[in-house]
Amino acid sequence: MRRVIGHEKIIGDLTRLAQSGELSHGYIFYGLPMVGKRTAALALAHGLEKGTFEAPLESEVLQDTKVIDMAFAKQLDPNLKDSISIDAVREIKHFLWQKPNVSAKRTLIIDDAEFLTNDAQNALLKITEEPPASSLLVVITSDLESIMPTILSRLQKIYFGAVPEAAIAAWIEKEQGVPKAKAASLAKRALGKPGFAWRLLNDEAFQKNLALAEIFLKTAPAGRRDFIKKLLTPEEFNLRKFLDAVIIILAWEKPSKANAALWHKALALYQNITNFGLNPRLQLENLVAQS
């Protein structure tokens, strides 16, 4: 099980609402990425079903069908023209309209909702307009403005801010078994995001992207085209995940006007991936063209 780090008040409030039967039919968890929004949503679902408001591990989510994380946005490929299919919409409806087995609610979690297309959001809107009494919808996003106002008006919003560095360091040291000095260093690099700290420790693909992003940003202009060509060769290359790493590396760098401008360019490209059919090679070349 995983504790929700730094958002104890939110979990406490949701726990009290759940125990008194006063939960809303739907919520939007919004704020910085990797601060614990998804973990809190899973903890809420687990608490409704099991009585313990802690998030199950990924393996437990897959094995325990009573705690279901149906993050449809995560199943879409942001590098393609993505949308939730009619079959997926039917699956959502079928899931929510079924009677819960144990808890009073059947919980649907939609993560990374900023990557839902307009068609997908329209389908979601229809569900929020007439939700079953026994359903609980949790929409998670790092970009509140990307969600349709009509959806926002039907769901209660809960903001998740950055977590204090000391809290992240204590969690890394105690629960991840990391020496105190290294835990403090990781907490500082995590920029207030427990999920970021966890990925720095455990996610090899994430670590690889960070290393590649650092090389990408330091490559001299003469060698950039060849490096980008090699970067794009593996079939598993994901532009959105790579840009995520680029943005993180820039955030770690010493502040400067050049870095700030590049950070904003990378962020704008990251946000536009889902909405436009972008050529990864051209976009990466353009990103560092004047740096």
C-alpha atoms as a PDB file:
ATOM      1  CA  MET A   1       0.000   0.000   0.000  1.00  0.00           C
ATOM      2  CA  ARG A   2       1.076   3.606  -0.572  1.00  0.00           C
ATOM      3  CA  ARG A   3       0.359   6.580   1.636  1.00  0.00           C
ATOM      4  CA  VAL A   4      -0.665   9.913   0.150  1.00  0.00           C
ATOM      5  CA  ILE A   5       2.253  12.217   0.941  1.00  0.00           C
ATOM      6  CA  GLY A   6       1.594  15.843   1.869  1.00  0.00           C
ATOM      7  CA  HIS A   7      -2.162  15.888   1.236  1.00  0.00           C
ATOM      8  CA  GLU A   8      -3.404  14.493   4.532  1.00  0.00           C
ATOM      9  CA  LYS A   9      -6.054  17.203   4.938  1.00  0.00           C
ATOM     10  CA  ILE A  10      -7.593  16.401   1.544  1.00  0.00           C
ATOM     11  CA  ILE A  11      -7.679  12.693   2.338  1.00  0.00           C
ATOM     12  CA  GLY A  12      -9.108  13.453   5.775  1.00  0.00           C
ATOM     13  CA  ASP A  13     -11.890  15.587   4.304  1.00  0.00           C
ATOM     14  CA  LEU A  14     -12.742  12.969   1.673  1.00  0.00           C
ATOM     15  CA  THR A  15     -12.687  10.232   4.305  1.00  0.00           C
ATOM     16  CA  ARG A  16     -15.179  12.123   6.475  1.00  0.00           C
ATOM     17  CA  LEU A  17     -17.440  12.791   3.482  1.00  0.00           C
ATOM     18  CA  ALA A  18     -17.305   9.105   2.513  1.00  0.00           C
ATOM     19  CA  GLN A  19     -18.083   7.926   6.026  1.00  0.00           C
ATOM     20  CA  SER A  20     -21.044  10.305   6.302  1.00  0.00           C
ATOM     21  CA  GLY A  21     -22.366   9.440   2.825  1.00  0.00           C
ATOM     22  CA  GLU A  22     -21.899  13.017   1.598  1.00  0.00           C
ATOM     23  CA  LEU A  23     -19.448  12.520  -1.269  1.00  0.00           C
ATOM     24  CA  SER A  24     -20.254  14.386  -4.471  1.00  0.00           C
ATOM     25  CA  HIS A  25     -20.980  12.373  -7.626  1.00  0.00           C
ATOM     26  CA  GLY A  26     -17.751  13.649  -9.152  1.00  0.00           C
ATOM     27  CA  TYR A  27     -14.507  15.523  -8.535  1.00  0.00           C
ATOM     28  CA  ILE A  28     -11.688  17.091 -10.495  1.00  0.00           C
ATOM     29  CA  PHE A  29      -8.291  16.639  -8.874  1.00  0.00           C
ATOM     30  CA  TYR A  30      -6.063  19.298 -10.408  1.00  0.00           C
ATOM     31  CA  GLY A  31      -2.618  20.781  -9.828  1.00  0.00           C
ATOM     32  CA  LEU A  32       1.010  20.116 -10.668  1.00  0.00           C
ATOM     33  CA  PRO A  33       1.896  16.756 -12.248  1.00  0.00           C
ATOM     34  CA  MET A  34       3.242  13.990  -9.997  1.00  0.00           C
ATOM     35  CA  VAL A  35       2.193  15.626  -6.715  1.00  0.00           C
ATOM     36  CA  GLY A  36      -0.118  12.753  -5.712  1.00  0.00           C
ATOM     37  CA  LYS A  37      -3.457  13.348  -7.454  1.00  0.00           C
ATOM     38  CA  ARG A  38      -3.718   9.843  -8.873  1.00  0.00           C
ATOM     39  CA  THR A  39      -2.497   8.253  -5.651  1.00  0.00           C
ATOM     40  CA  ALA A  40      -5.191  10.181  -3.749  1.00  0.00           C
ATOM     41  CA  ALA A  41      -7.866   9.028  -6.208  1.00  0.00           C
ATOM     42  CA  LEU A  42      -6.803   5.398  -5.808  1.00  0.00           C
ATOM     43  CA  ALA A  43      -6.727   5.833  -2.027  1.00  0.00           C
ATOM     44  CA  LEU A  44     -10.296   7.131  -2.117  1.00  0.00           C
ATOM     45  CA  ALA A  45     -11.450   4.209  -4.272  1.00  0.00           C
ATOM     46  CA  HIS A  46      -9.659   1.736  -2.013  1.00  0.00           C
ATOM     47  CA  GLY A  47     -11.131   3.364   1.086  1.00  0.00           C
ATOM     48  CA  LEU A  48     -14.669   3.090  -0.252  1.00  0.00           C
ATOM     49  CA  GLU A  49     -14.165  -0.590  -1.024  1.00  0.00           C
ATOM     50  CA  LYS A  50     -11.859  -1.765   1.762  1.00  0.00           C
ATOM     51  CA  GLY A  51     -12.203   0.884   4.476  1.00  0.00           C
ATOM     52  CA  THR A  52      -8.509   1.848   4.356  1.00  0.00           C
ATOM     53  CA  PHE A  53      -7.745   5.117   2.616  1.00  0.00           C
ATOM     54  CA  GLU A  54      -4.385   4.167   1.145  1.00  0.00           C
ATOM     55  CA  ALA A  55      -3.517   3.623  -2.494  1.00  0.00           C
ATOM     56  CA  PRO A  56      -2.959   0.034  -3.657  1.00  0.00           C
ATOM     57  CA  LEU A  57       0.185  -0.826  -5.583  1.00  0.00           C
ATOM     58  CA  GLU A  58      -0.047  -1.101  -9.363  1.00  0.00           C
ATOM     59  CA  SER A  59      -0.060  -4.909  -9.184  1.00  0.00           C
ATOM     60  CA  GLU A  60      -2.908  -4.797  -6.673  1.00  0.00           C
ATOM     61  CA  VAL A  61      -4.933  -2.512  -8.918  1.00  0.00           C
ATOM     62  CA  LEU A  62      -4.614  -4.982 -11.780  1.00  0.00           C
ATOM     63  CA  GLN A  63      -5.460  -8.004  -9.635  1.00  0.00           C
ATOM     64  CA  ASP A  64      -8.286  -6.548  -7.550  1.00  0.00           C
ATOM     65  CA  THR A  65     -11.213  -5.800  -9.848  1.00  0.00           C
ATOM     66  CA  LYS A  66     -13.047  -4.076  -7.003  1.00  0.00           C
ATOM     67  CA  VAL A  67     -10.587  -1.174  -7.203  1.00  0.00           C
ATOM     68  CA  ILE A  68     -10.543  -0.133 -10.841  1.00  0.00           C
ATOM     69  CA  ASP A  69      -8.305   2.516 -12.347  1.00  0.00           C
ATOM     70  CA  MET A  70      -9.814   3.124 -15.783  1.00  0.00           C
ATOM     71  CA  ALA A  71      -7.456   5.878 -16.905  1.00  0.00           C
ATOM     72  CA  PHE A  72      -8.584   5.984 -20.541  1.00  0.00           C
ATOM     73  CA  ALA A  73      -6.490   9.043 -21.347  1.00  0.00           C
ATOM     74  CA  LYS A  74      -3.383   7.076 -20.464  1.00  0.00           C
ATOM     75  CA  GLN A  75      -4.328   4.344 -22.908  1.00  0.00           C
ATOM     76  CA  LEU A  76      -4.331   6.802 -25.787  1.00  0.00           C
ATOM     77  CA  ASP A  77      -1.200   7.578 -27.766  1.00  0.00           C
ATOM     78  CA  PRO A  78      -0.709  11.367 -27.670  1.00  0.00           C
ATOM     79  CA  ASN A  79       1.493  11.164 -30.767  1.00  0.00           C
ATOM     80  CA  LEU A  80      -1.493  10.067 -32.824  1.00  0.00           C
ATOM     81  CA  LYS A  81      -4.908  11.579 -33.379  1.00  0.00           C
ATOM     82  CA  ASP A  82      -6.388  10.101 -30.251  1.00  0.00           C
ATOM     83  CA  SER A  83      -9.982   9.794 -29.132  1.00  0.00           C
ATOM     84  CA  ILE A  84     -12.042   7.599 -26.890  1.00  0.00           C
ATOM     85  CA  SER A  85     -13.833   5.109 -29.088  1.00  0.00           C
ATOM     86  CA  ILE A  86     -17.540   4.317 -28.935  1.00  0.00           C
ATOM     87  CA  ASP A  87     -16.633   0.966 -27.401  1.00  0.00           C
ATOM     88  CA  ALA A  88     -14.634   2.725 -24.666  1.00  0.00           C
ATOM     89  CA  VAL A  89     -17.552   5.069 -23.919  1.00  0.00           C
ATOM     90  CA  ARG A  90     -19.862   2.065 -23.661  1.00  0.00           C
ATOM     91  CA  GLU A  91     -17.378   0.420 -21.315  1.00  0.00           C
ATOM     92  CA  ILE A  92     -17.391   3.509 -19.064  1.00  0.00           C
ATOM     93  CA  LYS A  93     -21.173   3.588 -19.004  1.00  0.00           C
ATOM     94  CA  HIS A  94     -21.433  -0.141 -18.400  1.00  0.00           C
ATOM     95  CA  PHE A  95     -19.001   0.091 -15.512  1.00  0.00           C
ATOM     96  CA  LEU A  96     -20.719   3.051 -13.823  1.00  0.00           C
ATOM     97  CA  TRP A  97     -24.263   1.752 -14.239  1.00  0.00           C
ATOM     98  CA  GLN A  98     -23.471  -1.541 -12.536  1.00  0.00           C
ATOM     99  CA  LYS A  99     -24.336  -1.885  -8.851  1.00  0.00           C
ATOM    100  CA  PRO A 100     -21.309  -1.784  -6.524  1.00  0.00           C
ATOM    101  CA  ASN A 101     -20.495  -5.030  -4.730  1.00  0.00           C
ATOM    102  CA  VAL A 102     -19.243  -3.719  -1.399  1.00  0.00           C
ATOM    103  CA  SER A 103     -18.975   0.052  -1.195  1.00  0.00           C
ATOM    104  CA  ALA A 104     -21.746   2.543  -1.846  1.00  0.00           C
ATOM    105  CA  LYS A 105     -19.922   3.794  -4.963  1.00  0.00           C
ATOM    106  CA  ARG A 106     -18.341   2.465  -8.129  1.00  0.00           C
ATOM    107  CA  THR A 107     -15.334   4.671  -8.750  1.00  0.00           C
ATOM    108  CA  LEU A 108     -14.100   5.623 -12.206  1.00  0.00           C
ATOM    109  CA  ILE A 109     -10.723   7.382 -12.408  1.00  0.00           C
ATOM    110  CA  ILE A 110      -9.713   9.197 -15.595  1.00  0.00           C
ATOM    111  CA  ASP A 111      -6.058  10.234 -15.378  1.00  0.00           C
ATOM    112  CA  ASP A 112      -4.223  12.771 -17.577  1.00  0.00           C
ATOM    113  CA  ALA A 113      -7.566  14.201 -18.676  1.00  0.00           C
ATOM    114  CA  GLU A 114      -5.817  17.087 -20.462  1.00  0.00           C
ATOM    115  CA  PHE A 115      -5.093  14.591 -23.244  1.00  0.00           C
ATOM    116  CA  LEU A 116      -8.745  13.810 -23.901  1.00  0.00           C
ATOM    117  CA  THR A 117      -9.883  15.096 -27.273  1.00  0.00           C
ATOM    118  CA  ASN A 118     -12.995  17.217 -27.737  1.00  0.00           C
ATOM    119  CA  ASP A 119     -14.943  14.141 -28.811  1.00  0.00           C
ATOM    120  CA  ALA A 120     -13.826  12.324 -25.696  1.00  0.00           C
ATOM    121  CA  GLN A 121     -14.768  15.252 -23.473  1.00  0.00           C
ATOM    122  CA  ASN A 122     -18.203  15.492 -25.091  1.00  0.00           C
ATOM    123  CA  ALA A 123     -18.728  11.817 -24.312  1.00  0.00           C
ATOM    124  CA  LEU A 124     -17.610  12.445 -20.748  1.00  0.00           C
ATOM    125  CA  LEU A 125     -19.976  15.424 -20.479  1.00  0.00           C
ATOM    126  CA  LYS A 126     -22.965  13.206 -21.232  1.00  0.00           C
ATOM    127  CA  ILE A 127     -21.963  10.942 -18.363  1.00  0.00           C
ATOM    128  CA  THR A 128     -21.608  13.864 -15.934  1.00  0.00           C
ATOM    129  CA  GLU A 129     -25.050  15.183 -16.913  1.00  0.00           C
ATOM    130  CA  GLU A 130     -26.864  12.045 -15.750  1.00  0.00           C
ATOM    131  CA  PRO A 131     -24.541  10.084 -13.447  1.00  0.00           C
ATOM    132  CA  PRO A 132     -25.906   7.014 -11.661  1.00  0.00           C
ATOM    133  CA  ALA A 133     -26.537   7.548  -7.947  1.00  0.00           C
ATOM    134  CA  SER A 134     -24.003   4.852  -7.068  1.00  0.00           C
ATOM    135  CA  SER A 135     -21.179   6.252  -9.230  1.00  0.00           C
ATOM    136  CA  LEU A 136     -18.138   8.317  -8.321  1.00  0.00           C
ATOM    137  CA  LEU A 137     -16.123   9.978 -11.074  1.00  0.00           C
ATOM    138  CA  VAL A 138     -12.627  11.356 -10.423  1.00  0.00           C
ATOM    139  CA  VAL A 139     -11.077  13.325 -13.285  1.00  0.00           C
ATOM    140  CA  ILE A 140      -7.371  14.094 -12.882  1.00  0.00           C
ATOM    141  CA  THR A 141      -5.576  16.854 -14.759  1.00  0.00           C
ATOM    142  CA  SER A 142      -2.512  19.066 -14.588  1.00  0.00           C
ATOM    143  CA  ASP A 143      -4.159  21.625 -16.876  1.00  0.00           C
ATOM    144  CA  LEU A 144      -7.573  22.747 -15.664  1.00  0.00           C
ATOM    145  CA  GLU A 145      -8.074  25.073 -18.645  1.00  0.00           C
ATOM    146  CA  SER A 146      -7.962  22.077 -21.005  1.00  0.00           C
ATOM    147  CA  ILE A 147     -11.229  20.739 -19.566  1.00  0.00           C
ATOM    148  CA  MET A 148     -14.543  21.960 -20.997  1.00  0.00           C
ATOM    149  CA  PRO A 149     -16.283  24.560 -18.792  1.00  0.00           C
ATOM    150  CA  THR A 150     -19.461  22.489 -18.940  1.00  0.00           C
ATOM    151  CA  ILE A 151     -17.607  19.552 -17.368  1.00  0.00           C
ATOM    152  CA  LEU A 152     -15.948  21.810 -14.791  1.00  0.00           C
ATOM    153  CA  SER A 153     -19.331  23.139 -13.715  1.00  0.00           C
ATOM    154  CA  ARG A 154     -20.621  19.629 -12.927  1.00  0.00           C
ATOM    155  CA  LEU A 155     -17.702  18.412 -10.824  1.00  0.00           C
ATOM    156  CA  GLN A 156     -16.255  19.676  -7.544  1.00  0.00           C
ATOM    157  CA  LYS A 157     -12.672  20.861  -7.865  1.00  0.00           C
ATOM    158  CA  ILE A 158      -9.886  19.954  -5.424  1.00  0.00           C
ATOM    159  CA  TYR A 159      -6.465  21.542  -5.824  1.00  0.00           C
ATOM    160  CA  PHE A 160      -3.272  19.571  -5.122  1.00  0.00           C
ATOM    161  CA  GLY A 161      -0.257  21.797  -4.513  1.00  0.00           C
ATOM    162  CA  ALA A 162       3.441  21.072  -4.184  1.00  0.00           C
ATOM    163  CA  VAL A 163       4.482  18.943  -1.215  1.00  0.00           C
ATOM    164  CA  PRO A 164       7.055  20.338   1.259  1.00  0.00           C
ATOM    165  CA  GLU A 165      10.587  19.138   0.575  1.00  0.00           C
ATOM    166  CA  ALA A 166      10.996  17.905   4.154  1.00  0.00           C
ATOM    167  CA  ALA A 167       7.923  15.676   3.857  1.00  0.00           C
ATOM    168  CA  ILE A 168       9.227  14.116   0.633  1.00  0.00           C
ATOM    169  CA  ALA A 169      12.683  13.567   2.142  1.00  0.00           C
ATOM    170  CA  ALA A 170      11.220  11.872   5.228  1.00  0.00           C
ATOM    171  CA  TRP A 171       9.042   9.621   3.063  1.00  0.00           C
ATOM    172  CA  ILE A 172      11.961   8.633   0.800  1.00  0.00           C
ATOM    173  CA  GLU A 173      14.155   7.843   3.780  1.00  0.00           C
ATOM    174  CA  LYS A 174      11.563   5.902   5.777  1.00  0.00           C
ATOM    175  CA  GLU A 175       9.483   4.095   3.164  1.00  0.00           C
ATOM    176  CA  GLN A 176      11.923   3.805   0.260  1.00  0.00           C
ATOM    177  CA  GLY A 177      14.878   2.825   2.440  1.00  0.00           C
ATOM    178  CA  VAL A 178      17.176   5.565   1.133  1.00  0.00           C
ATOM    179  CA  PRO A 179      20.009   7.031   3.266  1.00  0.00           C
ATOM    180  CA  LYS A 180      19.219  10.447   4.753  1.00  0.00           C
ATOM    181  CA  ALA A 181      21.668  12.488   2.647  1.00  0.00           C
ATOM    182  CA  LYS A 182      20.534  10.914  -0.631  1.00  0.00           C
ATOM    183  CA  ALA A 183      16.886  11.290   0.392  1.00  0.00           C
ATOM    184  CA  ALA A 184      17.414  15.004   0.996  1.00  0.00           C
ATOM    185  CA  SER A 185      19.110  15.394  -2.410  1.00  0.00           C
ATOM    186  CA  LEU A 186      16.309  13.526  -4.216  1.00  0.00           C
ATOM    187  CA  ALA A 187      13.645  15.550  -2.402  1.00  0.00           C
ATOM    188  CA  LYS A 188      15.294  18.774  -3.545  1.00  0.00           C
ATOM    189  CA  ARG A 189      15.373  17.591  -7.166  1.00  0.00           C
ATOM    190  CA  ALA A 190      11.758  16.426  -6.968  1.00  0.00           C
ATOM    191  CA  LEU A 191      10.512  20.046  -6.956  1.00  0.00           C
ATOM    192  CA  GLY A 192       7.666  19.349  -4.536  1.00  0.00           C
ATOM    193  CA  LYS A 193       6.442  16.236  -6.379  1.00  0.00           C
ATOM    194  CA  PRO A 194       6.492  12.886  -4.523  1.00  0.00           C
ATOM    195  CA  GLY A 195       5.702  11.015  -7.740  1.00  0.00           C
ATOM    196  CA  PHE A 196       8.713  12.618  -9.342  1.00  0.00           C
ATOM    197  CA  ALA A 197      10.934  11.428  -6.479  1.00  0.00           C
ATOM    198  CA  TRP A 198       9.552   7.896  -6.822  1.00  0.00           C
ATOM    199  CA  ARG A 199      10.268   7.868 -10.553  1.00  0.00           C
ATOM    200  CA  LEU A 200      13.814   9.130 -10.009  1.00  0.00           C
ATOM    201  CA  LEU A 201      14.335   6.098  -7.784  1.00  0.00           C
ATOM    202  CA  ASN A 202      12.364   3.373  -9.544  1.00  0.00           C
ATOM    203  CA  ASP A 203      11.418   4.206 -13.139  1.00  0.00           C
ATOM    204  CA  GLU A 204      14.196   3.121 -15.528  1.00  0.00           C
ATOM    205  CA  ALA A 205      12.429   4.427 -18.634  1.00  0.00           C
ATOM    206  CA  PHE A 206      11.971   7.810 -16.966  1.00  0.00           C
ATOM    207  CA  GLN A 207      15.638   7.894 -15.946  1.00  0.00           C
ATOM    208  CA  LYS A 208      16.670   7.027 -19.517  1.00  0.00           C
ATOM    209  CA  ASN A 209      14.562   9.868 -20.915  1.00  0.00           C
ATOM    210  CA  LEU A 210      16.155  12.309 -18.471  1.00  0.00           C
ATOM    211  CA  ALA A 211      19.628  11.226 -19.589  1.00  0.00           C
ATOM    212  CA  LEU A 212      18.684  11.568 -23.274  1.00  0.00           C
ATOM    213  CA  ALA A 213      17.070  14.959 -22.671  1.00  0.00           C
ATOM    214  CA  GLU A 214      20.237  16.229 -21.017  1.00  0.00           C
ATOM    215  CA  ILE A 215      22.353  15.074 -23.974  1.00  0.00           C
ATOM    216  CA  PHE A 216      19.824  16.587 -26.409  1.00  0.00           C
ATOM    217  CA  LEU A 217      20.040  19.994 -24.750  1.00  0.00           C
ATOM    218  CA  LYS A 218      23.862  19.936 -24.598  1.00  0.00           C
ATOM    219  CA  THR A 219      24.473  18.665 -28.149  1.00  0.00           C
ATOM    220  CA  ALA A 220      26.214  21.240 -30.347  1.00  0.00           C
ATOM    221  CA  PRO A 221      24.167  22.623 -33.286  1.00  0.00           C
ATOM    222  CA  ALA A 222      26.281  20.707 -35.823  1.00  0.00           C
ATOM    223  CA  GLY A 223      25.392  17.349 -34.288  1.00  0.00           C
ATOM    224  CA  ARG A 224      21.739  17.925 -33.373  1.00  0.00           C
ATOM    225  CA  ARG A 225      20.174  16.559 -36.533  1.00  0.00           C
ATOM    226  CA  ASP A 226      22.056  13.253 -36.263  1.00  0.00           C
ATOM    227  CA  PHE A 227      21.258  12.958 -32.548  1.00  0.00           C
ATOM    228  CA  ILE A 228      17.554  13.592 -33.155  1.00  0.00           C
ATOM    229  CA  LYS A 229      17.529  10.989 -35.937  1.00  0.00           C
ATOM    230  CA  LYS A 230      18.991   8.380 -33.561  1.00  0.00           C
ATOM    231  CA  LEU A 231      16.623   9.488 -30.811  1.00  0.00           C
ATOM    232  CA  LEU A 232      13.567   8.875 -32.996  1.00  0.00           C
ATOM    233  CA  THR A 233      14.717   5.499 -34.342  1.00  0.00           C
ATOM    234  CA  PRO A 234      13.358   3.193 -31.577  1.00  0.00           C
ATOM    235  CA  GLU A 235       9.701   2.306 -32.117  1.00  0.00           C
ATOM    236  CA  GLU A 236       8.950   2.922 -28.444  1.00  0.00           C
ATOM    237  CA  PHE A 237      10.018   6.591 -28.637  1.00  0.00           C
ATOM    238  CA  ASN A 238       7.298   8.813 -27.173  1.00  0.00           C
ATOM    239  CA  LEU A 239       7.549  12.539 -27.911  1.00  0.00           C
ATOM    240  CA  ARG A 240       5.373  13.572 -24.986  1.00  0.00           C
ATOM    241  CA  LYS A 241       7.422  11.604 -22.446  1.00  0.00           C
ATOM    242  CA  PHE A 242      10.659  12.915 -23.915  1.00  0.00           C
ATOM    243  CA  LEU A 243       9.450  16.510 -23.747  1.00  0.00           C
ATOM    244  CA  ASP A 244       8.410  15.894 -20.166  1.00  0.00           C
ATOM    245  CA  ALA A 245      12.049  15.011 -19.442  1.00  0.00           C
ATOM    246  CA  VAL A 246      13.312  18.068 -21.354  1.00  0.00           C
ATOM    247  CA  ILE A 247      11.071  20.345 -19.298  1.00  0.00           C
ATOM    248  CA  ILE A 248      12.345  18.772 -16.067  1.00  0.00           C
ATOM    249  CA  ILE A 249      16.024  19.152 -17.047  1.00  0.00           C
ATOM    250  CA  LEU A 250      15.417  22.834 -17.882  1.00  0.00           C
ATOM    251  CA  ALA A 251      13.712  23.336 -14.516  1.00  0.00           C
ATOM    252  CA  TRP A 252      16.849  21.998 -12.801  1.00  0.00           C
ATOM    253  CA  GLU A 253      19.154  24.349 -14.698  1.00  0.00           C
ATOM    254  CA  LYS A 254      20.388  27.652 -13.308  1.00  0.00           C
ATOM    255  CA  PRO A 255      17.757  30.310 -14.160  1.00  0.00           C
ATOM    256  CA  SER A 256      18.490  32.392 -17.246  1.00  0.00           C
ATOM    257  CA  LYS A 257      16.522  34.152 -19.958  1.00  0.00           C
ATOM    258  CA  ALA A 258      17.620  31.588 -22.539  1.00  0.00           C
ATOM    259  CA  ASN A 259      16.570  28.636 -20.377  1.00  0.00           C
ATOM    260  CA  ALA A 260      13.257  30.288 -19.515  1.00  0.00           C
ATOM    261  CA  ALA A 261      12.492  30.891 -23.204  1.00  0.00           C
ATOM    262  CA  LEU A 262      13.387  27.305 -24.103  1.00  0.00           C
ATOM    263  CA  TRP A 263      11.306  25.990 -21.183  1.00  0.00           C
ATOM    264  CA  HIS A 264       8.261  27.911 -22.430  1.00  0.00           C
ATOM    265  CA  LYS A 265       8.783  26.618 -25.989  1.00  0.00           C
ATOM    266  CA  ALA A 266       9.030  23.032 -24.746  1.00  0.00           C
ATOM    267  CA  LEU A 267       5.944  23.452 -22.574  1.00  0.00           C
ATOM    268  CA  ALA A 268       3.919  24.898 -25.473  1.00  0.00           C
ATOM    269  CA  LEU A 269       4.975  22.006 -27.716  1.00  0.00           C
ATOM    270  CA  TYR A 270       4.075  19.498 -24.985  1.00  0.00           C
ATOM    271  CA  GLN A 271       0.606  21.013 -24.643  1.00  0.00           C
ATOM    272  CA  ASN A 272      -0.019  21.028 -28.405  1.00  0.00           C
ATOM    273  CA  ILE A 273       0.967  17.430 -29.119  1.00  0.00           C
ATOM    274  CA  THR A 274      -2.554  16.093 -28.682  1.00  0.00           C
ATOM    275  CA  ASN A 275      -4.259  18.772 -30.770  1.00  0.00           C
ATOM    276  CA  PHE A 276      -2.031  18.848 -33.829  1.00  0.00           C
ATOM    277  CA  GLY A 277      -0.419  16.278 -36.085  1.00  0.00           C
ATOM    278  CA  LEU A 278       3.171  17.290 -35.341  1.00  0.00           C
ATOM    279  CA  ASN A 279       6.290  15.860 -36.942  1.00  0.00           C
ATOM    280  CA  PRO A 280       8.575  14.903 -34.011  1.00  0.00           C
ATOM    281  CA  ARG A 281      11.830  15.462 -35.909  1.00  0.00           C
ATOM    282  CA  LEU A 282      10.881  18.931 -37.155  1.00  0.00           C
ATOM    283  CA  GLN A 283       9.506  19.960 -33.789  1.00  0.00           C
ATOM    284  CA  LEU A 284      12.623  18.885 -31.894  1.00  0.00           C
ATOM    285  CA  GLU A 285      14.890  20.592 -34.427  1.00  0.00           C
ATOM    286  CA  ASN A 286      12.823  23.762 -34.150  1.00  0.00           C
ATOM    287  CA  LEU A 287      12.805  23.591 -30.353  1.00  0.00           C
ATOM    288  CA  VAL A 288      16.577  24.079 -30.103  1.00  0.00           C
ATOM    289  CA  ALA A 289      17.120  25.932 -33.398  1.00  0.00           C
ATOM    290  CA  GLN A 290      18.099  29.216 -31.744  1.00  0.00           C
ATOM    291  CA  SER A 291      19.537  27.921 -28.471  1.00  0.00           C
END
